[in-house]
Amino acid sequence: MLGRYDPEAALLELRRHPGQVVGVTLGAEGFLFDDTQGRRHIPALPVAVIDTNGAGDVFHGAYAYGVACGWSAGYCGLFASVTAALSCQALGRSGIPSAAQVSKLLEERTAKEMEEMRWS
């Protein structure tokens, strides 16, 4: 990570253009990002991990899906974080959830459970 493990410093190093969204995935620690409104952290959804191989790719694909849907950076991060976490519950590609499955989980969680993770 830019020669050192300091996610917050990495955000500053990654920013190259005004208004740019920058972020760092932190595995089981979640997602740290700055969308020019300050640094924010989305904790990872706790799951029973079986296989983390490909979780980063799943995160980035889900984030890109959120961008294509026109969601805020925070909601893209939340959606991607939950999608990646769920994908770790099975071996290989079989664990990758559909967008509908992730959306359903996000809708079913109570406000209290999602309070730290919810972004509009």
N, C-alpha and C. Protein backbone atom coordinates (compact mmCIF):
# COMPACT_ATOMS: atom_id res chain seq x y z
N MET A 1 0.85 -1.17 0.00
CA MET A 1 0.00 0.00 0.00
C MET A 1 0.90 1.23 0.00
N LEU A 2 1.30 1.63 -1.16
CA LEU A 2 2.12 2.82 -1.32
C LEU A 2 3.36 2.78 -0.43
N GLY A 3 3.88 1.56 -0.21
CA GLY A 3 5.12 1.41 0.53
C GLY A 3 4.98 1.32 2.03
N ARG A 4 3.79 1.39 2.55
CA ARG A 4 3.59 1.31 4.00
C ARG A 4 2.14 0.94 4.29
N TYR A 5 1.90 0.51 5.51
CA TYR A 5 0.52 0.19 5.88
C TYR A 5 -0.04 1.34 6.73
N ASP A 6 -0.59 2.29 6.07
CA ASP A 6 -1.24 3.42 6.72
C ASP A 6 -2.39 3.85 5.81
N PRO A 7 -3.54 3.20 5.95
CA PRO A 7 -4.65 3.46 5.03
C PRO A 7 -5.06 4.93 4.93
N GLU A 8 -5.04 5.64 6.04
CA GLU A 8 -5.45 7.05 6.00
C GLU A 8 -4.46 7.89 5.20
N ALA A 9 -3.17 7.62 5.37
CA ALA A 9 -2.16 8.33 4.58
C ALA A 9 -2.29 7.95 3.10
N ALA A 10 -2.65 6.71 2.84
CA ALA A 10 -2.81 6.25 1.46
C ALA A 10 -3.89 7.04 0.74
N LEU A 11 -4.97 7.38 1.44
CA LEU A 11 -6.03 8.16 0.81
C LEU A 11 -5.49 9.48 0.28
N LEU A 12 -4.66 10.13 1.06
CA LEU A 12 -4.06 11.40 0.63
C LEU A 12 -3.15 11.20 -0.58
N GLU A 13 -2.38 10.11 -0.57
CA GLU A 13 -1.47 9.82 -1.67
C GLU A 13 -2.22 9.47 -2.96
N LEU A 14 -3.38 8.84 -2.82
CA LEU A 14 -4.14 8.40 -3.98
C LEU A 14 -4.86 9.54 -4.69
N ARG A 15 -5.24 10.57 -3.95
CA ARG A 15 -6.01 11.67 -4.54
C ARG A 15 -5.14 12.42 -5.55
N ARG A 16 -5.64 12.54 -6.75
CA ARG A 16 -4.91 13.24 -7.81
C ARG A 16 -5.74 14.38 -8.42
N HIS A 17 -7.06 14.34 -8.26
CA HIS A 17 -7.94 15.33 -8.88
C HIS A 17 -8.99 15.82 -7.89
N PRO A 18 -9.35 17.08 -7.93
CA PRO A 18 -10.42 17.58 -7.06
C PRO A 18 -11.71 16.80 -7.32
N GLY A 19 -12.42 16.49 -6.27
CA GLY A 19 -13.69 15.78 -6.40
C GLY A 19 -13.56 14.28 -6.58
N GLN A 20 -12.35 13.78 -6.65
CA GLN A 20 -12.12 12.35 -6.85
C GLN A 20 -12.47 11.58 -5.59
N VAL A 21 -13.11 10.43 -5.75
CA VAL A 21 -13.37 9.52 -4.64
C VAL A 21 -12.19 8.56 -4.58
N VAL A 22 -11.60 8.43 -3.39
CA VAL A 22 -10.51 7.48 -3.20
C VAL A 22 -10.86 6.56 -2.04
N GLY A 23 -10.41 5.33 -2.13
CA GLY A 23 -10.72 4.38 -1.07
C GLY A 23 -9.71 3.27 -0.97
N VAL A 24 -9.73 2.61 0.17
CA VAL A 24 -8.83 1.51 0.44
C VAL A 24 -9.66 0.40 1.08
N THR A 25 -9.61 -0.79 0.49
CA THR A 25 -10.28 -1.93 1.11
C THR A 25 -9.38 -2.47 2.20
N LEU A 26 -10.00 -2.88 3.31
CA LEU A 26 -9.25 -3.31 4.48
C LEU A 26 -9.59 -4.74 4.89
N GLY A 27 -10.11 -5.52 3.98
CA GLY A 27 -10.46 -6.90 4.30
C GLY A 27 -11.50 -6.97 5.40
N ALA A 28 -11.19 -7.73 6.44
CA ALA A 28 -12.12 -7.91 7.56
C ALA A 28 -12.38 -6.62 8.33
N GLU A 29 -11.59 -5.59 8.06
CA GLU A 29 -11.78 -4.30 8.74
C GLU A 29 -12.68 -3.36 7.96
N GLY A 30 -13.10 -3.74 6.75
CA GLY A 30 -14.05 -2.94 5.99
C GLY A 30 -13.45 -2.10 4.88
N PHE A 31 -13.96 -0.89 4.73
CA PHE A 31 -13.61 -0.01 3.61
C PHE A 31 -13.46 1.42 4.13
N LEU A 32 -12.33 2.02 3.83
CA LEU A 32 -12.04 3.40 4.21
C LEU A 32 -12.03 4.23 2.94
N PHE A 33 -12.77 5.35 2.92
CA PHE A 33 -12.81 6.16 1.71
C PHE A 33 -12.98 7.63 2.03
N ASP A 34 -12.70 8.44 1.02
CA ASP A 34 -12.88 9.89 1.12
C ASP A 34 -13.49 10.34 -0.19
N ASP A 35 -14.69 10.89 -0.10
CA ASP A 35 -15.37 11.38 -1.29
C ASP A 35 -15.40 12.91 -1.30
N THR A 36 -14.42 13.52 -0.71
CA THR A 36 -14.22 14.97 -0.55
C THR A 36 -15.07 15.56 0.58
N GLN A 37 -15.86 14.73 1.23
CA GLN A 37 -16.63 15.18 2.39
C GLN A 37 -16.00 14.68 3.68
N GLY A 38 -14.77 14.24 3.58
CA GLY A 38 -14.06 13.71 4.75
C GLY A 38 -13.92 12.21 4.68
N ARG A 39 -13.00 11.70 5.48
CA ARG A 39 -12.78 10.26 5.53
C ARG A 39 -13.92 9.59 6.26
N ARG A 40 -14.33 8.46 5.69
CA ARG A 40 -15.39 7.66 6.31
C ARG A 40 -15.01 6.19 6.26
N HIS A 41 -15.53 5.45 7.21
CA HIS A 41 -15.22 4.03 7.32
C HIS A 41 -16.51 3.23 7.31
N ILE A 42 -16.54 2.19 6.51
CA ILE A 42 -17.66 1.25 6.48
C ILE A 42 -17.12 -0.06 7.02
N PRO A 43 -17.61 -0.50 8.18
CA PRO A 43 -17.12 -1.77 8.73
C PRO A 43 -17.54 -2.95 7.86
N ALA A 44 -16.76 -4.00 7.90
CA ALA A 44 -17.10 -5.21 7.16
C ALA A 44 -18.25 -5.93 7.85
N LEU A 45 -19.08 -6.56 7.05
CA LEU A 45 -20.16 -7.40 7.57
C LEU A 45 -19.52 -8.67 8.13
N PRO A 46 -19.75 -8.98 9.40
CA PRO A 46 -19.15 -10.22 9.94
C PRO A 46 -19.81 -11.46 9.33
N VAL A 47 -19.00 -12.35 8.81
CA VAL A 47 -19.49 -13.59 8.21
C VAL A 47 -18.57 -14.74 8.61
N ALA A 48 -19.06 -15.96 8.44
CA ALA A 48 -18.24 -17.16 8.63
C ALA A 48 -17.44 -17.36 7.35
N VAL A 49 -16.17 -17.05 7.39
CA VAL A 49 -15.32 -17.06 6.19
C VAL A 49 -14.88 -18.47 5.83
N ILE A 50 -15.05 -18.80 4.55
CA ILE A 50 -14.57 -20.07 4.01
C ILE A 50 -13.47 -19.82 2.99
N ASP A 51 -13.66 -18.80 2.14
CA ASP A 51 -12.70 -18.54 1.07
C ASP A 51 -12.71 -17.05 0.73
N THR A 52 -11.56 -16.39 0.92
CA THR A 52 -11.48 -14.96 0.61
C THR A 52 -10.92 -14.70 -0.79
N ASN A 53 -10.53 -15.76 -1.49
CA ASN A 53 -9.97 -15.59 -2.83
C ASN A 53 -10.99 -14.91 -3.74
N GLY A 54 -10.62 -13.79 -4.33
CA GLY A 54 -11.50 -13.09 -5.24
C GLY A 54 -12.39 -12.05 -4.59
N ALA A 55 -12.33 -11.92 -3.27
CA ALA A 55 -13.21 -10.96 -2.58
C ALA A 55 -12.96 -9.53 -3.03
N GLY A 56 -11.71 -9.20 -3.29
CA GLY A 56 -11.40 -7.85 -3.78
C GLY A 56 -12.01 -7.59 -5.15
N ASP A 57 -11.95 -8.58 -6.02
CA ASP A 57 -12.56 -8.44 -7.34
C ASP A 57 -14.07 -8.28 -7.21
N VAL A 58 -14.67 -9.05 -6.31
CA VAL A 58 -16.11 -8.94 -6.08
C VAL A 58 -16.45 -7.54 -5.56
N PHE A 59 -15.65 -7.05 -4.62
CA PHE A 59 -15.86 -5.70 -4.08
C PHE A 59 -15.87 -4.68 -5.22
N HIS A 60 -14.83 -4.71 -6.06
CA HIS A 60 -14.71 -3.71 -7.13
C HIS A 60 -15.82 -3.83 -8.16
N GLY A 61 -16.23 -5.04 -8.47
CA GLY A 61 -17.35 -5.23 -9.39
C GLY A 61 -18.65 -4.69 -8.82
N ALA A 62 -18.88 -4.96 -7.55
CA ALA A 62 -20.11 -4.46 -6.90
C ALA A 62 -20.08 -2.94 -6.77
N TYR A 63 -18.91 -2.38 -6.50
CA TYR A 63 -18.78 -0.92 -6.41
C TYR A 63 -19.09 -0.30 -7.77
N ALA A 64 -18.53 -0.88 -8.82
CA ALA A 64 -18.79 -0.37 -10.17
C ALA A 64 -20.27 -0.47 -10.52
N TYR A 65 -20.92 -1.54 -10.09
CA TYR A 65 -22.37 -1.69 -10.30
C TYR A 65 -23.10 -0.53 -9.64
N GLY A 66 -22.71 -0.20 -8.41
CA GLY A 66 -23.34 0.91 -7.70
C GLY A 66 -23.13 2.25 -8.41
N VAL A 67 -21.92 2.46 -8.93
CA VAL A 67 -21.64 3.69 -9.69
C VAL A 67 -22.56 3.75 -10.90
N ALA A 68 -22.70 2.62 -11.61
CA ALA A 68 -23.57 2.57 -12.79
C ALA A 68 -25.03 2.83 -12.43
N CYS A 69 -25.41 2.47 -11.21
CA CYS A 69 -26.77 2.72 -10.74
C CYS A 69 -26.98 4.16 -10.26
N GLY A 70 -25.88 4.92 -10.17
CA GLY A 70 -25.98 6.31 -9.74
C GLY A 70 -26.02 6.51 -8.24
N TRP A 71 -25.58 5.51 -7.48
CA TRP A 71 -25.61 5.61 -6.02
C TRP A 71 -24.49 6.51 -5.51
N SER A 72 -24.64 7.00 -4.30
CA SER A 72 -23.60 7.79 -3.65
C SER A 72 -22.38 6.90 -3.40
N ALA A 73 -21.23 7.55 -3.20
CA ALA A 73 -20.01 6.79 -2.92
C ALA A 73 -20.17 5.94 -1.67
N GLY A 74 -20.84 6.47 -0.65
CA GLY A 74 -21.04 5.73 0.58
C GLY A 74 -21.89 4.49 0.38
N TYR A 75 -22.98 4.62 -0.38
CA TYR A 75 -23.83 3.46 -0.60
C TYR A 75 -23.14 2.45 -1.52
N CYS A 76 -22.38 2.94 -2.50
CA CYS A 76 -21.58 2.03 -3.34
C CYS A 76 -20.64 1.21 -2.46
N GLY A 77 -19.99 1.88 -1.51
CA GLY A 77 -19.06 1.21 -0.60
C GLY A 77 -19.76 0.20 0.29
N LEU A 78 -20.91 0.56 0.80
CA LEU A 78 -21.68 -0.35 1.65
C LEU A 78 -22.10 -1.58 0.85
N PHE A 79 -22.68 -1.35 -0.32
CA PHE A 79 -23.13 -2.45 -1.16
C PHE A 79 -21.97 -3.37 -1.53
N ALA A 80 -20.84 -2.76 -1.91
CA ALA A 80 -19.67 -3.55 -2.30
C ALA A 80 -19.10 -4.33 -1.13
N SER A 81 -19.05 -3.69 0.03
CA SER A 81 -18.51 -4.34 1.23
C SER A 81 -19.34 -5.56 1.61
N VAL A 82 -20.65 -5.40 1.59
CA VAL A 82 -21.55 -6.51 1.94
C VAL A 82 -21.45 -7.62 0.89
N THR A 83 -21.40 -7.23 -0.38
CA THR A 83 -21.29 -8.23 -1.45
C THR A 83 -20.02 -9.05 -1.31
N ALA A 84 -18.90 -8.37 -1.06
CA ALA A 84 -17.63 -9.07 -0.91
C ALA A 84 -17.64 -9.98 0.31
N ALA A 85 -18.19 -9.50 1.42
CA ALA A 85 -18.24 -10.32 2.63
C ALA A 85 -19.06 -11.59 2.38
N LEU A 86 -20.22 -11.44 1.76
CA LEU A 86 -21.06 -12.60 1.49
C LEU A 86 -20.37 -13.59 0.57
N SER A 87 -19.56 -13.08 -0.35
CA SER A 87 -18.87 -13.97 -1.30
C SER A 87 -17.84 -14.86 -0.61
N CYS A 88 -17.43 -14.49 0.59
CA CYS A 88 -16.42 -15.25 1.33
C CYS A 88 -17.00 -16.46 2.08
N GLN A 89 -18.31 -16.64 1.99
CA GLN A 89 -18.96 -17.71 2.75
C GLN A 89 -19.00 -19.05 2.02
N ALA A 90 -18.43 -19.12 0.82
CA ALA A 90 -18.41 -20.37 0.06
C ALA A 90 -17.13 -20.41 -0.77
N LEU A 91 -16.81 -21.58 -1.28
CA LEU A 91 -15.61 -21.73 -2.11
C LEU A 91 -15.84 -21.14 -3.51
N GLY A 92 -14.86 -20.42 -3.98
CA GLY A 92 -14.87 -19.93 -5.36
C GLY A 92 -16.04 -19.03 -5.69
N ARG A 93 -16.39 -19.06 -6.96
CA ARG A 93 -17.46 -18.20 -7.47
C ARG A 93 -18.84 -18.54 -6.94
N SER A 94 -19.01 -19.72 -6.41
CA SER A 94 -20.35 -20.14 -5.95
C SER A 94 -20.88 -19.25 -4.83
N GLY A 95 -19.99 -18.53 -4.15
CA GLY A 95 -20.43 -17.68 -3.05
C GLY A 95 -20.81 -16.28 -3.44
N ILE A 96 -20.60 -15.90 -4.70
CA ILE A 96 -20.90 -14.53 -5.10
C ILE A 96 -22.42 -14.33 -5.14
N PRO A 97 -22.93 -13.41 -4.32
CA PRO A 97 -24.38 -13.20 -4.29
C PRO A 97 -24.84 -12.32 -5.45
N SER A 98 -26.10 -12.42 -5.77
CA SER A 98 -26.68 -11.54 -6.80
C SER A 98 -26.94 -10.17 -6.18
N ALA A 99 -27.12 -9.18 -7.03
CA ALA A 99 -27.46 -7.83 -6.55
C ALA A 99 -28.76 -7.88 -5.76
N ALA A 100 -29.70 -8.68 -6.21
CA ALA A 100 -30.99 -8.79 -5.51
C ALA A 100 -30.80 -9.38 -4.11
N GLN A 101 -29.92 -10.37 -3.96
CA GLN A 101 -29.68 -10.95 -2.65
C GLN A 101 -29.06 -9.92 -1.69
N VAL A 102 -28.12 -9.14 -2.20
CA VAL A 102 -27.48 -8.13 -1.36
C VAL A 102 -28.49 -7.05 -0.98
N SER A 103 -29.26 -6.60 -1.94
CA SER A 103 -30.28 -5.57 -1.67
C SER A 103 -31.28 -6.06 -0.64
N LYS A 104 -31.68 -7.32 -0.76
CA LYS A 104 -32.64 -7.90 0.20
C LYS A 104 -32.05 -7.92 1.60
N LEU A 105 -30.78 -8.34 1.72
CA LEU A 105 -30.13 -8.37 3.03
C LEU A 105 -30.07 -6.95 3.62
N LEU A 106 -29.71 -5.97 2.80
CA LEU A 106 -29.61 -4.59 3.29
C LEU A 106 -30.98 -4.07 3.73
N GLU A 107 -32.03 -4.47 3.05
CA GLU A 107 -33.38 -4.05 3.43
C GLU A 107 -33.86 -4.74 4.69
N GLU A 108 -33.46 -5.99 4.90
CA GLU A 108 -33.94 -6.77 6.04
C GLU A 108 -33.24 -6.43 7.34
N ARG A 109 -32.03 -5.93 7.27
CA ARG A 109 -31.29 -5.61 8.49
C ARG A 109 -31.98 -4.47 9.22
N THR A 110 -31.99 -4.53 10.49
CA THR A 110 -32.64 -3.46 11.25
C THR A 110 -31.79 -2.20 11.20
N ALA A 111 -32.40 -1.08 11.47
CA ALA A 111 -31.69 0.20 11.47
C ALA A 111 -30.55 0.17 12.48
N LYS A 112 -30.76 -0.47 13.63
CA LYS A 112 -29.72 -0.53 14.65
C LYS A 112 -28.51 -1.30 14.15
N GLU A 113 -28.75 -2.45 13.51
CA GLU A 113 -27.66 -3.28 13.01
C GLU A 113 -26.85 -2.55 11.93
N MET A 114 -27.52 -1.77 11.13
CA MET A 114 -26.89 -1.13 9.99
C MET A 114 -26.48 0.32 10.27
N GLU A 115 -26.73 0.81 11.47
CA GLU A 115 -26.52 2.22 11.77
C GLU A 115 -25.12 2.71 11.36
N GLU A 116 -24.09 1.98 11.71
CA GLU A 116 -22.73 2.40 11.38
C GLU A 116 -22.42 2.27 9.90
N MET A 117 -23.16 1.44 9.21
CA MET A 117 -22.85 1.15 7.82
C MET A 117 -23.74 1.89 6.82
N ARG A 118 -24.86 2.42 7.26
CA ARG A 118 -25.82 3.01 6.33
C ARG A 118 -25.34 4.38 5.84
N TRP A 119 -25.39 4.58 4.54
CA TRP A 119 -25.01 5.86 3.90
C TRP A 119 -26.09 6.22 2.90
N SER A 120 -26.45 7.46 2.82
CA SER A 120 -27.46 7.87 1.84
C SER A 120 -26.81 8.47 0.63
